[in-house]
Amino acid sequence: MIDKIIKILLAEDDPLMQNLIRLYLKKYQAQIDFADNGRIALKQLKSKEYDLLITDLQMPEVDGATLIRNIRQEGKMVPVIVLSSYDKLSIERMLDEPHIDSLRKPFESAELIAMIEKMTVSASN
């Protein structure tokens, strides 16, 4: 159970997926900011601290993999959950970085909550 306010940046270009995640997290104490693409997410990550980044892999302008590489080059080690239709093995090969995990679309709310708990607890240790 998420028991503190978690600041999440959701980089997702699909409004339906944005709304679905908002609904999944509605009963938890999560403050969610949205970015419609990786370029916007980069700007938000530079101006505000987040406990977690949830990003789609395929987005216009700047994709999820490039977004993660850029924030890591800047020294930001925010935990990341990658959302993708690709299989998990493909994601792991592309994103061999610490504090990154993935969920394959479609996913259930319980899977997302468990992943958020895992990523935010491991990042604080």
C-alpha atoms as a PDB file:
ATOM      1  CA  MET A   1       0.000   0.000   0.000  1.00  0.00           C
ATOM      2  CA  ILE A   2       1.297   3.427  -0.943  1.00  0.00           C
ATOM      3  CA  ASP A   3       1.343   5.338   2.339  1.00  0.00           C
ATOM      4  CA  LYS A   4       2.939   8.662   1.431  1.00  0.00           C
ATOM      5  CA  ILE A   5       2.375  11.259  -1.247  1.00  0.00           C
ATOM      6  CA  ILE A   6       4.383  10.173  -4.264  1.00  0.00           C
ATOM      7  CA  LYS A   7       5.243  12.732  -6.931  1.00  0.00           C
ATOM      8  CA  ILE A   8       4.934  11.036 -10.309  1.00  0.00           C
ATOM      9  CA  LEU A   9       5.663  12.346 -13.779  1.00  0.00           C
ATOM     10  CA  LEU A  10       3.743  10.432 -16.434  1.00  0.00           C
ATOM     11  CA  ALA A  11       5.205  10.813 -19.926  1.00  0.00           C
ATOM     12  CA  GLU A  12       2.524   9.322 -22.163  1.00  0.00           C
ATOM     13  CA  ASP A  13       1.154  10.597 -25.455  1.00  0.00           C
ATOM     14  CA  ASP A  14      -2.087   8.585 -25.333  1.00  0.00           C
ATOM     15  CA  PRO A  15      -4.815  10.497 -23.444  1.00  0.00           C
ATOM     16  CA  LEU A  16      -6.721   7.259 -22.800  1.00  0.00           C
ATOM     17  CA  MET A  17      -3.678   5.731 -21.069  1.00  0.00           C
ATOM     18  CA  GLN A  18      -3.178   8.956 -19.091  1.00  0.00           C
ATOM     19  CA  ASN A  19      -6.763   8.768 -17.846  1.00  0.00           C
ATOM     20  CA  LEU A  20      -6.503   5.061 -17.083  1.00  0.00           C
ATOM     21  CA  ILE A  21      -3.403   5.572 -14.933  1.00  0.00           C
ATOM     22  CA  ARG A  22      -5.045   8.553 -13.227  1.00  0.00           C
ATOM     23  CA  LEU A  23      -8.012   6.302 -12.371  1.00  0.00           C
ATOM     24  CA  TYR A  24      -5.733   3.482 -11.178  1.00  0.00           C
ATOM     25  CA  LEU A  25      -3.977   5.875  -8.791  1.00  0.00           C
ATOM     26  CA  LYS A  26      -7.018   7.886  -7.703  1.00  0.00           C
ATOM     27  CA  LYS A  27      -7.408   6.177  -4.323  1.00  0.00           C
ATOM     28  CA  TYR A  28      -3.694   6.514  -3.519  1.00  0.00           C
ATOM     29  CA  GLN A  29      -1.804   9.585  -2.437  1.00  0.00           C
ATOM     30  CA  ALA A  30      -0.151  10.356  -5.725  1.00  0.00           C
ATOM     31  CA  GLN A  31       0.508  13.739  -7.229  1.00  0.00           C
ATOM     32  CA  ILE A  32       0.668  13.173 -10.987  1.00  0.00           C
ATOM     33  CA  ASP A  33       2.017  15.596 -13.566  1.00  0.00           C
ATOM     34  CA  PHE A  34       1.533  14.756 -17.232  1.00  0.00           C
ATOM     35  CA  ALA A  35       3.772  15.202 -20.260  1.00  0.00           C
ATOM     36  CA  ASP A  36       2.470  14.409 -23.738  1.00  0.00           C
ATOM     37  CA  ASN A  37       5.948  13.613 -25.050  1.00  0.00           C
ATOM     38  CA  GLY A  38       9.534  13.154 -23.938  1.00  0.00           C
ATOM     39  CA  ARG A  39      10.576  16.711 -24.764  1.00  0.00           C
ATOM     40  CA  ILE A  40       8.001  18.118 -22.348  1.00  0.00           C
ATOM     41  CA  ALA A  41       8.960  15.500 -19.745  1.00  0.00           C
ATOM     42  CA  LEU A  42      12.626  16.555 -19.954  1.00  0.00           C
ATOM     43  CA  LYS A  43      11.661  20.170 -19.203  1.00  0.00           C
ATOM     44  CA  GLN A  44       9.507  19.104 -16.250  1.00  0.00           C
ATOM     45  CA  LEU A  45      12.255  16.868 -14.835  1.00  0.00           C
ATOM     46  CA  LYS A  46      14.674  19.799 -14.964  1.00  0.00           C
ATOM     47  CA  SER A  47      12.346  22.101 -13.062  1.00  0.00           C
ATOM     48  CA  LYS A  48      10.827  19.765 -10.467  1.00  0.00           C
ATOM     49  CA  GLU A  49      11.825  16.755  -8.365  1.00  0.00           C
ATOM     50  CA  TYR A  50       9.834  13.542  -8.793  1.00  0.00           C
ATOM     51  CA  ASP A  51       9.782  10.281  -6.860  1.00  0.00           C
ATOM     52  CA  LEU A  52       9.003   8.318 -10.011  1.00  0.00           C
ATOM     53  CA  LEU A  53       8.891   8.669 -13.786  1.00  0.00           C
ATOM     54  CA  ILE A  54       6.418   6.526 -15.690  1.00  0.00           C
ATOM     55  CA  THR A  55       7.103   6.739 -19.407  1.00  0.00           C
ATOM     56  CA  ASP A  56       5.814   5.232 -22.580  1.00  0.00           C
ATOM     57  CA  LEU A  57       8.563   3.917 -24.818  1.00  0.00           C
ATOM     58  CA  GLN A  58       7.130   5.182 -28.093  1.00  0.00           C
ATOM     59  CA  MET A  59       6.285   8.891 -28.078  1.00  0.00           C
ATOM     60  CA  PRO A  60       6.640  11.743 -30.552  1.00  0.00           C
ATOM     61  CA  GLU A  61       9.573  14.171 -30.506  1.00  0.00           C
ATOM     62  CA  VAL A  62      11.611  12.393 -27.792  1.00  0.00           C
ATOM     63  CA  ASP A  63      10.958   8.711 -27.116  1.00  0.00           C
ATOM     64  CA  GLY A  64      11.137   7.025 -23.714  1.00  0.00           C
ATOM     65  CA  ALA A  65      14.588   5.497 -24.222  1.00  0.00           C
ATOM     66  CA  THR A  66      16.066   8.872 -25.218  1.00  0.00           C
ATOM     67  CA  LEU A  67      14.299  10.543 -22.298  1.00  0.00           C
ATOM     68  CA  ILE A  68      15.872   8.093 -19.854  1.00  0.00           C
ATOM     69  CA  ARG A  69      19.347   8.423 -21.397  1.00  0.00           C
ATOM     70  CA  ASN A  70      19.120  12.223 -21.192  1.00  0.00           C
ATOM     71  CA  ILE A  71      18.066  12.343 -17.555  1.00  0.00           C
ATOM     72  CA  ARG A  72      20.744   9.812 -16.580  1.00  0.00           C
ATOM     73  CA  GLN A  73      23.392  11.900 -18.376  1.00  0.00           C
ATOM     74  CA  GLU A  74      22.251  14.828 -16.238  1.00  0.00           C
ATOM     75  CA  GLY A  75      22.758  12.719 -13.101  1.00  0.00           C
ATOM     76  CA  LYS A  76      19.087  12.255 -12.222  1.00  0.00           C
ATOM     77  CA  MET A  77      18.535   8.766 -10.825  1.00  0.00           C
ATOM     78  CA  VAL A  78      14.745   8.990 -10.497  1.00  0.00           C
ATOM     79  CA  PRO A  79      13.219   5.492 -10.645  1.00  0.00           C
ATOM     80  CA  VAL A  80      11.543   4.740 -13.979  1.00  0.00           C
ATOM     81  CA  ILE A  81       8.705   2.469 -15.013  1.00  0.00           C
ATOM     82  CA  VAL A  82       8.626   1.952 -18.762  1.00  0.00           C
ATOM     83  CA  LEU A  83       5.260   1.212 -20.356  1.00  0.00           C
ATOM     84  CA  SER A  84       5.319  -0.543 -23.682  1.00  0.00           C
ATOM     85  CA  SER A  85       3.589  -2.986 -25.952  1.00  0.00           C
ATOM     86  CA  TYR A  86       6.967  -4.596 -26.528  1.00  0.00           C
ATOM     87  CA  ASP A  87       7.888  -7.698 -24.572  1.00  0.00           C
ATOM     88  CA  LYS A  88       9.831  -7.203 -21.334  1.00  0.00           C
ATOM     89  CA  LEU A  89      13.042  -8.768 -22.688  1.00  0.00           C
ATOM     90  CA  SER A  90      13.193  -6.216 -25.516  1.00  0.00           C
ATOM     91  CA  ILE A  91      12.776  -3.369 -23.047  1.00  0.00           C
ATOM     92  CA  GLU A  92      15.472  -4.724 -20.734  1.00  0.00           C
ATOM     93  CA  ARG A  93      17.923  -4.950 -23.624  1.00  0.00           C
ATOM     94  CA  MET A  94      17.266  -1.341 -24.588  1.00  0.00           C
ATOM     95  CA  LEU A  95      17.263   0.045 -21.066  1.00  0.00           C
ATOM     96  CA  ASP A  96      20.026  -1.671 -19.148  1.00  0.00           C
ATOM     97  CA  GLU A  97      20.087   0.939 -16.382  1.00  0.00           C
ATOM     98  CA  PRO A  98      19.644   0.886 -12.597  1.00  0.00           C
ATOM     99  CA  HIS A  99      16.271   1.786 -11.101  1.00  0.00           C
ATOM    100  CA  ILE A 100      14.315   0.882 -14.241  1.00  0.00           C
ATOM    101  CA  ASP A 101      11.582  -1.684 -14.623  1.00  0.00           C
ATOM    102  CA  SER A 102       8.775  -2.190 -17.095  1.00  0.00           C
ATOM    103  CA  LEU A 103       5.141  -3.032 -17.503  1.00  0.00           C
ATOM    104  CA  ARG A 104       3.809  -4.466 -20.709  1.00  0.00           C
ATOM    105  CA  LYS A 105       0.594  -2.924 -21.992  1.00  0.00           C
ATOM    106  CA  PRO A 106      -2.134  -3.766 -21.206  1.00  0.00           C
ATOM    107  CA  PHE A 107      -1.651  -4.064 -17.440  1.00  0.00           C
ATOM    108  CA  GLU A 108      -3.904  -4.217 -14.409  1.00  0.00           C
ATOM    109  CA  SER A 109      -4.113  -1.582 -11.677  1.00  0.00           C
ATOM    110  CA  ALA A 110      -2.661  -4.021  -9.114  1.00  0.00           C
ATOM    111  CA  GLU A 111       0.406  -4.544 -11.324  1.00  0.00           C
ATOM    112  CA  LEU A 112       0.995  -0.806 -11.568  1.00  0.00           C
ATOM    113  CA  ILE A 113       0.556  -0.248  -7.822  1.00  0.00           C
ATOM    114  CA  ALA A 114       2.918  -3.127  -6.995  1.00  0.00           C
ATOM    115  CA  MET A 115       5.508  -1.750  -9.407  1.00  0.00           C
ATOM    116  CA  ILE A 116       5.230   1.759  -7.962  1.00  0.00           C
ATOM    117  CA  GLU A 117       5.664   0.403  -4.437  1.00  0.00           C
ATOM    118  CA  LYS A 118       8.660  -1.678  -5.494  1.00  0.00           C
ATOM    119  CA  MET A 119      10.340   1.195  -7.345  1.00  0.00           C
ATOM    120  CA  THR A 120       9.794   3.861  -4.705  1.00  0.00           C
ATOM    121  CA  VAL A 121      10.825   1.619  -1.793  1.00  0.00           C
ATOM    122  CA  SER A 122      13.988   0.374  -3.524  1.00  0.00           C
ATOM    123  CA  ALA A 123      14.948   3.911  -4.527  1.00  0.00           C
ATOM    124  CA  SER A 124      14.677   5.139  -0.934  1.00  0.00           C
ATOM    125  CA  ASN A 125      16.951   2.354   0.393  1.00  0.00           C
END
